[in-house]
Amino acid sequence: MVLALKEGILYGPVNSRRYGKSLGINLMPNCYKLCSFNCVYCHFGWTDKRAMDVGESADDMPAFDDVVAEIERAAKSSLEFGLFTFSGNGEPTLYPRFADMVDAVIAIRDRHRPDAKVMLLSNSTNLGNADVRASLAKIDLPILKLDAGTAKGFRAINRPSLEIDYDQIVDQLCSIDRLYIQTVLVDGHPSNTSPEDLAAYFEKIARIRPLKAHLYSIDRPVPETRLRLVPPERLRAIAEEGERVTGVRMRAFGKN
């Protein structure tokens, strides 16, 4: 079975194999998944509401002041964590006051945990929002998604909301000075690991020039049962090839 949605505003701290101990911040509703993607590999299952315009769902999101109060309590507590991470039950940048929330979390971090970092895990679909783009420069680790090198692969893997344009996302990623790319690679149906898929993906990474690209595969139950995990040794080989072809540092994260 896929994982249950996060309950409440905060979760964890989560011990991430990529980033260490992280306090998760969920700005999305607790009772359903709200996202601009319906990814075939999402460990929270299929998206209940796929949209870029949150509309009436804004009423189901946590109130700004409640989020700030909970984060401040956690920052002042004895919990051990080194990251404040925007993630949760969908795309965090869809939160109506996301940029204000970034400023609030940074202020809390500076008061109570100056050695901690602020991280964003985003699917890259809201980069056309000027406030969101401005907030990226303030975030220590802006981790932005790119799972495919072609529009066809993008539609098959990420199943985006209809108004989302793949080429526009790539162009927006290219215009950001400092970012990290995260990529999920899967075998089976659909797949994004054929030689043609990888060549197209490497071409996009060479254009975007992220600080680093993180490659990983599925290690939890997923909604599309025809998917298969890309073995760790294959992930490492792809990362090595990609780094050689693009000149961008790539790191593979496998289960072993």
C-alpha atoms as a PDB file:
ATOM      1  CA  MET A   1       0.000   0.000   0.000  1.00  0.00           C
ATOM      2  CA  VAL A   2       1.093   3.576  -0.638  1.00  0.00           C
ATOM      3  CA  LEU A   3       1.894   5.757   2.353  1.00  0.00           C
ATOM      4  CA  ALA A   4      -0.768   7.682   4.238  1.00  0.00           C
ATOM      5  CA  LEU A   5      -0.844  11.445   3.851  1.00  0.00           C
ATOM      6  CA  LYS A   6       0.933  13.561   6.423  1.00  0.00           C
ATOM      7  CA  GLU A   7      -1.275  14.591   9.319  1.00  0.00           C
ATOM      8  CA  GLY A   8      -0.888  18.078  10.695  1.00  0.00           C
ATOM      9  CA  ILE A   9       1.538  20.829   9.789  1.00  0.00           C
ATOM     10  CA  LEU A  10       4.856  19.374  10.932  1.00  0.00           C
ATOM     11  CA  TYR A  11       6.231  15.851  10.623  1.00  0.00           C
ATOM     12  CA  GLY A  12       9.436  14.114  11.538  1.00  0.00           C
ATOM     13  CA  PRO A  13      12.210  14.869  12.024  1.00  0.00           C
ATOM     14  CA  VAL A  14      12.816  12.585   9.055  1.00  0.00           C
ATOM     15  CA  ASN A  15      16.230  10.995   8.638  1.00  0.00           C
ATOM     16  CA  SER A  16      16.794  11.550   4.915  1.00  0.00           C
ATOM     17  CA  ARG A  17      19.481   9.525   3.156  1.00  0.00           C
ATOM     18  CA  ARG A  18      20.244  12.609   1.094  1.00  0.00           C
ATOM     19  CA  TYR A  19      20.092  15.472   3.554  1.00  0.00           C
ATOM     20  CA  GLY A  20      20.166  14.292   7.163  1.00  0.00           C
ATOM     21  CA  LYS A  21      17.593  15.056   9.872  1.00  0.00           C
ATOM     22  CA  SER A  22      14.831  17.217   8.495  1.00  0.00           C
ATOM     23  CA  LEU A  23      11.723  18.783  10.040  1.00  0.00           C
ATOM     24  CA  GLY A  24       9.005  18.492   7.402  1.00  0.00           C
ATOM     25  CA  ILE A  25       6.586  21.384   6.841  1.00  0.00           C
ATOM     26  CA  ASN A  26       3.281  20.431   5.213  1.00  0.00           C
ATOM     27  CA  LEU A  27       1.384  23.455   3.863  1.00  0.00           C
ATOM     28  CA  MET A  28      -1.156  21.322   1.999  1.00  0.00           C
ATOM     29  CA  PRO A  29      -4.496  19.904   3.204  1.00  0.00           C
ATOM     30  CA  ASN A  30      -4.409  16.874   5.499  1.00  0.00           C
ATOM     31  CA  CYS A  31      -7.471  15.151   4.087  1.00  0.00           C
ATOM     32  CA  TYR A  32      -6.470  14.941   0.407  1.00  0.00           C
ATOM     33  CA  LYS A  33      -3.483  15.316  -1.891  1.00  0.00           C
ATOM     34  CA  LEU A  34      -3.315  18.637  -3.756  1.00  0.00           C
ATOM     35  CA  CYS A  35      -0.645  18.904  -6.438  1.00  0.00           C
ATOM     36  CA  SER A  36      -0.014  20.117  -9.972  1.00  0.00           C
ATOM     37  CA  PHE A  37       1.355  16.639 -10.796  1.00  0.00           C
ATOM     38  CA  ASN A  38      -0.080  13.135 -10.594  1.00  0.00           C
ATOM     39  CA  CYS A  39       3.236  11.270 -10.673  1.00  0.00           C
ATOM     40  CA  VAL A  40       3.183   7.558 -11.385  1.00  0.00           C
ATOM     41  CA  TYR A  41       5.750   6.953  -8.619  1.00  0.00           C
ATOM     42  CA  CYS A  42       4.411   9.156  -5.784  1.00  0.00           C
ATOM     43  CA  HIS A  43       4.487   7.216  -2.522  1.00  0.00           C
ATOM     44  CA  PHE A  44       1.405   9.141  -1.369  1.00  0.00           C
ATOM     45  CA  GLY A  45      -0.607   7.648  -4.224  1.00  0.00           C
ATOM     46  CA  TRP A  46      -2.642   9.298  -6.970  1.00  0.00           C
ATOM     47  CA  THR A  47      -3.428  13.001  -6.707  1.00  0.00           C
ATOM     48  CA  ASP A  48      -6.947  13.735  -5.478  1.00  0.00           C
ATOM     49  CA  LYS A  49      -6.968  17.300  -6.808  1.00  0.00           C
ATOM     50  CA  ARG A  50      -4.578  18.069  -9.679  1.00  0.00           C
ATOM     51  CA  ALA A  51      -4.451  21.812 -10.284  1.00  0.00           C
ATOM     52  CA  MET A  52      -2.313  24.929 -10.394  1.00  0.00           C
ATOM     53  CA  ASP A  53      -5.103  27.166  -9.098  1.00  0.00           C
ATOM     54  CA  VAL A  54      -5.812  26.047  -5.535  1.00  0.00           C
ATOM     55  CA  GLY A  55      -9.172  27.881  -5.520  1.00  0.00           C
ATOM     56  CA  GLU A  56     -11.442  26.763  -2.699  1.00  0.00           C
ATOM     57  CA  SER A  57      -8.763  24.373  -1.459  1.00  0.00           C
ATOM     58  CA  ALA A  58      -7.088  27.358   0.192  1.00  0.00           C
ATOM     59  CA  ASP A  59      -9.646  26.994   2.986  1.00  0.00           C
ATOM     60  CA  ASP A  60      -8.360  23.465   3.637  1.00  0.00           C
ATOM     61  CA  MET A  61      -4.759  24.590   4.049  1.00  0.00           C
ATOM     62  CA  PRO A  62      -3.347  25.476   7.475  1.00  0.00           C
ATOM     63  CA  ALA A  63      -3.600  29.109   8.523  1.00  0.00           C
ATOM     64  CA  PHE A  64      -0.414  31.141   8.175  1.00  0.00           C
ATOM     65  CA  ASP A  65      -0.201  32.068  11.865  1.00  0.00           C
ATOM     66  CA  ASP A  66      -0.779  28.450  12.945  1.00  0.00           C
ATOM     67  CA  VAL A  67       2.101  27.253  10.755  1.00  0.00           C
ATOM     68  CA  VAL A  68       4.445  29.917  12.090  1.00  0.00           C
ATOM     69  CA  ALA A  69       3.521  29.124  15.701  1.00  0.00           C
ATOM     70  CA  GLU A  70       4.154  25.382  15.252  1.00  0.00           C
ATOM     71  CA  ILE A  71       7.494  25.941  13.534  1.00  0.00           C
ATOM     72  CA  GLU A  72       8.598  28.319  16.275  1.00  0.00           C
ATOM     73  CA  ARG A  73       7.682  25.779  18.962  1.00  0.00           C
ATOM     74  CA  ALA A  74       9.649  23.073  17.164  1.00  0.00           C
ATOM     75  CA  ALA A  75      12.655  25.364  16.668  1.00  0.00           C
ATOM     76  CA  LYS A  76      12.727  26.165  20.395  1.00  0.00           C
ATOM     77  CA  SER A  77      12.310  22.505  21.416  1.00  0.00           C
ATOM     78  CA  SER A  78      14.910  19.807  22.060  1.00  0.00           C
ATOM     79  CA  LEU A  79      14.136  18.045  18.763  1.00  0.00           C
ATOM     80  CA  GLU A  80      17.274  17.219  16.794  1.00  0.00           C
ATOM     81  CA  PHE A  81      17.198  18.393  13.186  1.00  0.00           C
ATOM     82  CA  GLY A  82      19.321  20.471  10.849  1.00  0.00           C
ATOM     83  CA  LEU A  83      16.822  21.297   8.109  1.00  0.00           C
ATOM     84  CA  PHE A  84      13.468  23.035   7.826  1.00  0.00           C
ATOM     85  CA  THR A  85      11.962  21.368   4.748  1.00  0.00           C
ATOM     86  CA  PHE A  86       8.960  22.497   2.711  1.00  0.00           C
ATOM     87  CA  SER A  87       7.386  19.326   1.320  1.00  0.00           C
ATOM     88  CA  GLY A  88       4.257  17.417   2.413  1.00  0.00           C
ATOM     89  CA  ASN A  89       0.999  16.372   0.742  1.00  0.00           C
ATOM     90  CA  GLY A  90       1.562  18.020  -2.638  1.00  0.00           C
ATOM     91  CA  GLU A  91       3.354  20.987  -4.183  1.00  0.00           C
ATOM     92  CA  PRO A  92       4.317  23.414  -1.350  1.00  0.00           C
ATOM     93  CA  THR A  93       4.705  26.504  -3.559  1.00  0.00           C
ATOM     94  CA  LEU A  94       0.956  26.403  -4.289  1.00  0.00           C
ATOM     95  CA  TYR A  95       0.380  27.708  -0.755  1.00  0.00           C
ATOM     96  CA  PRO A  96      -1.056  31.219  -1.284  1.00  0.00           C
ATOM     97  CA  ARG A  97       1.458  32.927   1.045  1.00  0.00           C
ATOM     98  CA  PHE A  98       4.424  30.719   0.282  1.00  0.00           C
ATOM     99  CA  ALA A  99       6.936  33.568  -0.107  1.00  0.00           C
ATOM    100  CA  ASP A 100       5.836  35.101   3.211  1.00  0.00           C
ATOM    101  CA  MET A 101       6.183  31.685   4.826  1.00  0.00           C
ATOM    102  CA  VAL A 102       9.757  31.379   3.577  1.00  0.00           C
ATOM    103  CA  ASP A 103      10.576  34.733   5.185  1.00  0.00           C
ATOM    104  CA  ALA A 104       8.937  33.637   8.451  1.00  0.00           C
ATOM    105  CA  VAL A 105      10.817  30.331   8.587  1.00  0.00           C
ATOM    106  CA  ILE A 106      14.127  32.055   7.865  1.00  0.00           C
ATOM    107  CA  ALA A 107      13.484  34.497  10.700  1.00  0.00           C
ATOM    108  CA  ILE A 108      12.675  31.635  13.087  1.00  0.00           C
ATOM    109  CA  ARG A 109      15.765  29.750  11.967  1.00  0.00           C
ATOM    110  CA  ASP A 110      17.958  32.795  12.519  1.00  0.00           C
ATOM    111  CA  ARG A 111      16.575  33.303  16.044  1.00  0.00           C
ATOM    112  CA  HIS A 112      16.666  29.748  17.319  1.00  0.00           C
ATOM    113  CA  ARG A 113      18.712  27.459  15.037  1.00  0.00           C
ATOM    114  CA  PRO A 114      21.219  29.576  13.118  1.00  0.00           C
ATOM    115  CA  ASP A 115      23.164  26.504  11.954  1.00  0.00           C
ATOM    116  CA  ALA A 116      20.102  24.908  10.339  1.00  0.00           C
ATOM    117  CA  LYS A 117      19.261  25.230   6.661  1.00  0.00           C
ATOM    118  CA  VAL A 118      15.971  25.843   4.866  1.00  0.00           C
ATOM    119  CA  MET A 119      15.139  23.441   2.045  1.00  0.00           C
ATOM    120  CA  LEU A 120      12.408  23.307  -0.587  1.00  0.00           C
ATOM    121  CA  LEU A 121      11.348  20.144  -2.429  1.00  0.00           C
ATOM    122  CA  SER A 122       9.363  21.404  -5.416  1.00  0.00           C
ATOM    123  CA  ASN A 123       8.103  19.989  -8.704  1.00  0.00           C
ATOM    124  CA  SER A 124       9.145  23.194 -10.554  1.00  0.00           C
ATOM    125  CA  THR A 125       5.657  23.997 -11.869  1.00  0.00           C
ATOM    126  CA  ASN A 126       5.182  27.323 -10.061  1.00  0.00           C
ATOM    127  CA  LEU A 127       8.363  29.054 -11.218  1.00  0.00           C
ATOM    128  CA  GLY A 128       6.277  31.504 -13.239  1.00  0.00           C
ATOM    129  CA  ASN A 129       5.115  33.039  -9.964  1.00  0.00           C
ATOM    130  CA  ALA A 130       7.373  36.035  -9.326  1.00  0.00           C
ATOM    131  CA  ASP A 131       7.077  35.769  -5.533  1.00  0.00           C
ATOM    132  CA  VAL A 132       8.026  32.101  -5.600  1.00  0.00           C
ATOM    133  CA  ARG A 133      11.017  32.811  -7.837  1.00  0.00           C
ATOM    134  CA  ALA A 134      12.190  35.598  -5.517  1.00  0.00           C
ATOM    135  CA  SER A 135      11.958  33.272  -2.518  1.00  0.00           C
ATOM    136  CA  LEU A 136      14.276  30.714  -4.134  1.00  0.00           C
ATOM    137  CA  ALA A 137      17.265  33.013  -3.679  1.00  0.00           C
ATOM    138  CA  LYS A 138      16.614  33.016   0.090  1.00  0.00           C
ATOM    139  CA  ILE A 139      16.349  29.241   0.447  1.00  0.00           C
ATOM    140  CA  ASP A 140      19.579  27.401   1.243  1.00  0.00           C
ATOM    141  CA  LEU A 141      18.667  24.266  -0.705  1.00  0.00           C
ATOM    142  CA  PRO A 142      16.173  24.872  -3.528  1.00  0.00           C
ATOM    143  CA  ILE A 143      15.629  21.303  -4.817  1.00  0.00           C
ATOM    144  CA  LEU A 144      13.629  21.383  -8.048  1.00  0.00           C
ATOM    145  CA  LYS A 145      12.292  18.435 -10.002  1.00  0.00           C
ATOM    146  CA  LEU A 146      13.035  17.346 -13.548  1.00  0.00           C
ATOM    147  CA  ASP A 147      12.222  13.709 -14.295  1.00  0.00           C
ATOM    148  CA  ALA A 148      12.243  13.700 -18.094  1.00  0.00           C
ATOM    149  CA  GLY A 149      14.166  15.093 -21.040  1.00  0.00           C
ATOM    150  CA  THR A 150      11.150  15.348 -23.354  1.00  0.00           C
ATOM    151  CA  ALA A 151       7.582  16.620 -23.150  1.00  0.00           C
ATOM    152  CA  LYS A 152       6.316  13.129 -23.957  1.00  0.00           C
ATOM    153  CA  GLY A 153       8.260  11.593 -21.091  1.00  0.00           C
ATOM    154  CA  PHE A 154       7.165  14.410 -18.790  1.00  0.00           C
ATOM    155  CA  ARG A 155       3.493  13.707 -19.507  1.00  0.00           C
ATOM    156  CA  ALA A 156       3.941   9.962 -19.018  1.00  0.00           C
ATOM    157  CA  ILE A 157       5.890  10.171 -15.739  1.00  0.00           C
ATOM    158  CA  ASN A 158       4.543  13.295 -14.035  1.00  0.00           C
ATOM    159  CA  ARG A 159       1.028  13.486 -15.532  1.00  0.00           C
ATOM    160  CA  PRO A 160       0.804  17.279 -15.039  1.00  0.00           C
ATOM    161  CA  SER A 161      -2.192  19.548 -14.851  1.00  0.00           C
ATOM    162  CA  LEU A 162      -3.278  20.389 -18.402  1.00  0.00           C
ATOM    163  CA  GLU A 163      -2.132  24.015 -18.372  1.00  0.00           C
ATOM    164  CA  ILE A 164       1.479  23.122 -17.538  1.00  0.00           C
ATOM    165  CA  ASP A 165       3.984  23.379 -20.390  1.00  0.00           C
ATOM    166  CA  TYR A 166       7.167  21.294 -20.256  1.00  0.00           C
ATOM    167  CA  ASP A 167       9.324  23.586 -22.391  1.00  0.00           C
ATOM    168  CA  GLN A 168       8.342  26.554 -20.247  1.00  0.00           C
ATOM    169  CA  ILE A 169       9.451  24.708 -17.112  1.00  0.00           C
ATOM    170  CA  VAL A 170      12.836  23.937 -18.677  1.00  0.00           C
ATOM    171  CA  ASP A 171      13.270  27.573 -19.755  1.00  0.00           C
ATOM    172  CA  GLN A 172      12.412  28.752 -16.225  1.00  0.00           C
ATOM    173  CA  LEU A 173      14.876  26.315 -14.681  1.00  0.00           C
ATOM    174  CA  CYS A 174      17.545  27.631 -17.062  1.00  0.00           C
ATOM    175  CA  SER A 175      16.942  31.178 -15.827  1.00  0.00           C
ATOM    176  CA  ILE A 176      17.582  30.390 -12.138  1.00  0.00           C
ATOM    177  CA  ASP A 177      21.126  31.038 -10.970  1.00  0.00           C
ATOM    178  CA  ARG A 178      21.345  28.599  -8.049  1.00  0.00           C
ATOM    179  CA  LEU A 179      19.381  25.361  -7.806  1.00  0.00           C
ATOM    180  CA  TYR A 180      19.651  21.625  -7.411  1.00  0.00           C
ATOM    181  CA  ILE A 181      17.780  19.154  -9.620  1.00  0.00           C
ATOM    182  CA  GLN A 182      16.162  16.005  -8.267  1.00  0.00           C
ATOM    183  CA  THR A 183      15.211  13.208 -10.644  1.00  0.00           C
ATOM    184  CA  VAL A 184      13.321   9.961 -10.146  1.00  0.00           C
ATOM    185  CA  LEU A 185      14.346   7.235 -12.594  1.00  0.00           C
ATOM    186  CA  VAL A 186      12.070   4.245 -13.144  1.00  0.00           C
ATOM    187  CA  ASP A 187      12.014   1.117 -15.265  1.00  0.00           C
ATOM    188  CA  GLY A 188       8.895  -0.712 -16.396  1.00  0.00           C
ATOM    189  CA  HIS A 189       5.921   1.160 -17.805  1.00  0.00           C
ATOM    190  CA  PRO A 190       6.335   4.048 -18.144  1.00  0.00           C
ATOM    191  CA  SER A 191      10.121   4.320 -18.065  1.00  0.00           C
ATOM    192  CA  ASN A 192      12.600   7.182 -18.404  1.00  0.00           C
ATOM    193  CA  THR A 193      15.841   5.186 -18.614  1.00  0.00           C
ATOM    194  CA  SER A 194      16.177   4.255 -22.283  1.00  0.00           C
ATOM    195  CA  PRO A 195      19.311   5.565 -24.050  1.00  0.00           C
ATOM    196  CA  GLU A 196      17.135   8.086 -25.913  1.00  0.00           C
ATOM    197  CA  ASP A 197      15.435   9.244 -22.697  1.00  0.00           C
ATOM    198  CA  LEU A 198      18.736   9.684 -20.896  1.00  0.00           C
ATOM    199  CA  ALA A 199      20.360  11.529 -23.799  1.00  0.00           C
ATOM    200  CA  ALA A 200      17.474  14.015 -23.849  1.00  0.00           C
ATOM    201  CA  TYR A 201      17.627  14.375 -20.066  1.00  0.00           C
ATOM    202  CA  PHE A 202      21.378  15.011 -20.102  1.00  0.00           C
ATOM    203  CA  GLU A 203      20.871  17.686 -22.766  1.00  0.00           C
ATOM    204  CA  LYS A 204      18.411  19.502 -20.507  1.00  0.00           C
ATOM    205  CA  ILE A 205      20.721  19.221 -17.487  1.00  0.00           C
ATOM    206  CA  ALA A 206      23.575  20.671 -19.538  1.00  0.00           C
ATOM    207  CA  ARG A 207      21.344  23.638 -20.386  1.00  0.00           C
ATOM    208  CA  ILE A 208      20.059  24.192 -16.843  1.00  0.00           C
ATOM    209  CA  ARG A 209      23.489  23.884 -15.188  1.00  0.00           C
ATOM    210  CA  PRO A 210      22.318  23.068 -11.640  1.00  0.00           C
ATOM    211  CA  LEU A 211      24.799  22.986  -8.782  1.00  0.00           C
ATOM    212  CA  LYS A 212      24.181  19.242  -8.614  1.00  0.00           C
ATOM    213  CA  ALA A 213      21.673  16.663  -9.861  1.00  0.00           C
ATOM    214  CA  HIS A 214      20.387  14.000  -7.472  1.00  0.00           C
ATOM    215  CA  LEU A 215      19.228  10.733  -9.053  1.00  0.00           C
ATOM    216  CA  TYR A 216      17.161   8.159  -7.242  1.00  0.00           C
ATOM    217  CA  SER A 217      14.537   5.511  -7.855  1.00  0.00           C
ATOM    218  CA  ILE A 218      11.485   4.092  -6.107  1.00  0.00           C
ATOM    219  CA  ASP A 219      11.956   2.333  -2.766  1.00  0.00           C
ATOM    220  CA  ARG A 220       8.370   2.440  -1.444  1.00  0.00           C
ATOM    221  CA  PRO A 221       5.022   1.225  -2.796  1.00  0.00           C
ATOM    222  CA  VAL A 222       3.813   3.343  -5.736  1.00  0.00           C
ATOM    223  CA  PRO A 223       0.390   3.766  -7.391  1.00  0.00           C
ATOM    224  CA  GLU A 224       1.519   2.539 -10.832  1.00  0.00           C
ATOM    225  CA  THR A 225       2.185  -1.145 -10.239  1.00  0.00           C
ATOM    226  CA  ARG A 226       3.960  -1.659 -13.586  1.00  0.00           C
ATOM    227  CA  LEU A 227       6.963   0.400 -12.439  1.00  0.00           C
ATOM    228  CA  ARG A 228      10.229  -1.227 -11.445  1.00  0.00           C
ATOM    229  CA  LEU A 229      13.106   0.059  -9.366  1.00  0.00           C
ATOM    230  CA  VAL A 230      16.311   1.047 -11.141  1.00  0.00           C
ATOM    231  CA  PRO A 231      19.043  -0.938  -9.322  1.00  0.00           C
ATOM    232  CA  PRO A 232      21.616   1.087  -7.354  1.00  0.00           C
ATOM    233  CA  GLU A 233      24.503   0.035  -9.586  1.00  0.00           C
ATOM    234  CA  ARG A 234      22.571   1.211 -12.666  1.00  0.00           C
ATOM    235  CA  LEU A 235      21.775   4.518 -10.967  1.00  0.00           C
ATOM    236  CA  ARG A 236      25.449   5.032 -10.246  1.00  0.00           C
ATOM    237  CA  ALA A 237      26.374   4.241 -13.841  1.00  0.00           C
ATOM    238  CA  ILE A 238      23.802   6.760 -15.111  1.00  0.00           C
ATOM    239  CA  ALA A 239      25.138   9.405 -12.727  1.00  0.00           C
ATOM    240  CA  GLU A 240      28.703   8.780 -13.888  1.00  0.00           C
ATOM    241  CA  GLU A 241      27.702   8.968 -17.533  1.00  0.00           C
ATOM    242  CA  GLY A 242      25.631  12.100 -16.969  1.00  0.00           C
ATOM    243  CA  GLU A 243      28.440  13.859 -15.159  1.00  0.00           C
ATOM    244  CA  ARG A 244      30.839  13.028 -17.984  1.00  0.00           C
ATOM    245  CA  VAL A 245      28.433  14.216 -20.688  1.00  0.00           C
ATOM    246  CA  THR A 246      27.120  17.370 -19.000  1.00  0.00           C
ATOM    247  CA  GLY A 247      29.935  18.516 -16.735  1.00  0.00           C
ATOM    248  CA  VAL A 248      27.340  18.797 -13.940  1.00  0.00           C
ATOM    249  CA  ARG A 249      27.953  16.951 -10.693  1.00  0.00           C
ATOM    250  CA  MET A 250      25.512  14.043 -10.317  1.00  0.00           C
ATOM    251  CA  ARG A 251      24.963  11.814  -7.325  1.00  0.00           C
ATOM    252  CA  ALA A 252      22.957   8.583  -7.247  1.00  0.00           C
ATOM    253  CA  PHE A 253      20.996   7.583  -4.153  1.00  0.00           C
ATOM    254  CA  GLY A 254      20.109   3.910  -3.932  1.00  0.00           C
ATOM    255  CA  LYS A 255      18.922   1.632  -1.149  1.00  0.00           C
ATOM    256  CA  ASN A 256      22.340   0.055  -0.753  1.00  0.00           C
END
